[in-house]
Amino acid sequence: MSKERYKAIQRFSKELDGVFTLPDLKVIFDENTEITLFRAVRNLVEAGDLIKVKRGIYAVPDASLAAISCRIEPDSYISTGTVLAQKAIIGSIPARRIQAVKKGRPRIYKCALGTIEHLSIAPHLYFGFDYINGQYIANKEKAFLDVYYYYYKGKVFSFDPATDINQEDIDMAVVTSYLKKYDKQFVSFFRKLTGQQYD
């Protein structure tokens, strides 16, 4: 029975990016009762075929943290150093950690696959991202600004925002238009730290 359930997970893994909710698993396993569903899930977790991310969310061992982040909070967007590293604007960052931005309370989720951090942002600053392959991902200019915004708020990164960001590939005209949405204190902090006025 466990092999059949493992095969069922594999069949649906690509469609769901390797991340499953309990309702997903109930349908996939065709389970009628919660007791048998929980038992089946527990057996798969103990066998290492599923990783428990948080209550009600499970992932296959090769699922990406970005996909997991999206299933936990569909409206969050991947940002900060995660995006800047992918765009080679900064060096590498810890591989088993991802940061995303969302409206509402910040949260951190830790599991065997790594750490997912959801940073909170005010509704008027929730912009600057695209929908790519089923996930919201910040463009490099918004990821750039998000780094400085959270640094301004006291966030510590694995890189130094003052010295480790290559600004040459950042479209400063886009940054200038985005800055109009931020308060003057942050804009002053940002300009001082980056050494550019963005007029």
Foldseek 3Di string as FASTA:
>chain_A
DLVQLLVLLVVCCVVLQQKFFLVRSCVSVVDDDPVVSVVSVVVCVVVQQWWDFDHRMIGGLPRAPQSSVCVVPVLKAWAAPVVCCVVVQFPDFPRQETEIEDADDWDWIQIPSHIYTYHHDDPLLSDQWDQDPSHTYHDHLSRLLVNLVVVVVVDDGPDDNLPGGRCPPPDLQVNLVSCVSDDPVSLVVVCVSNVHNSD
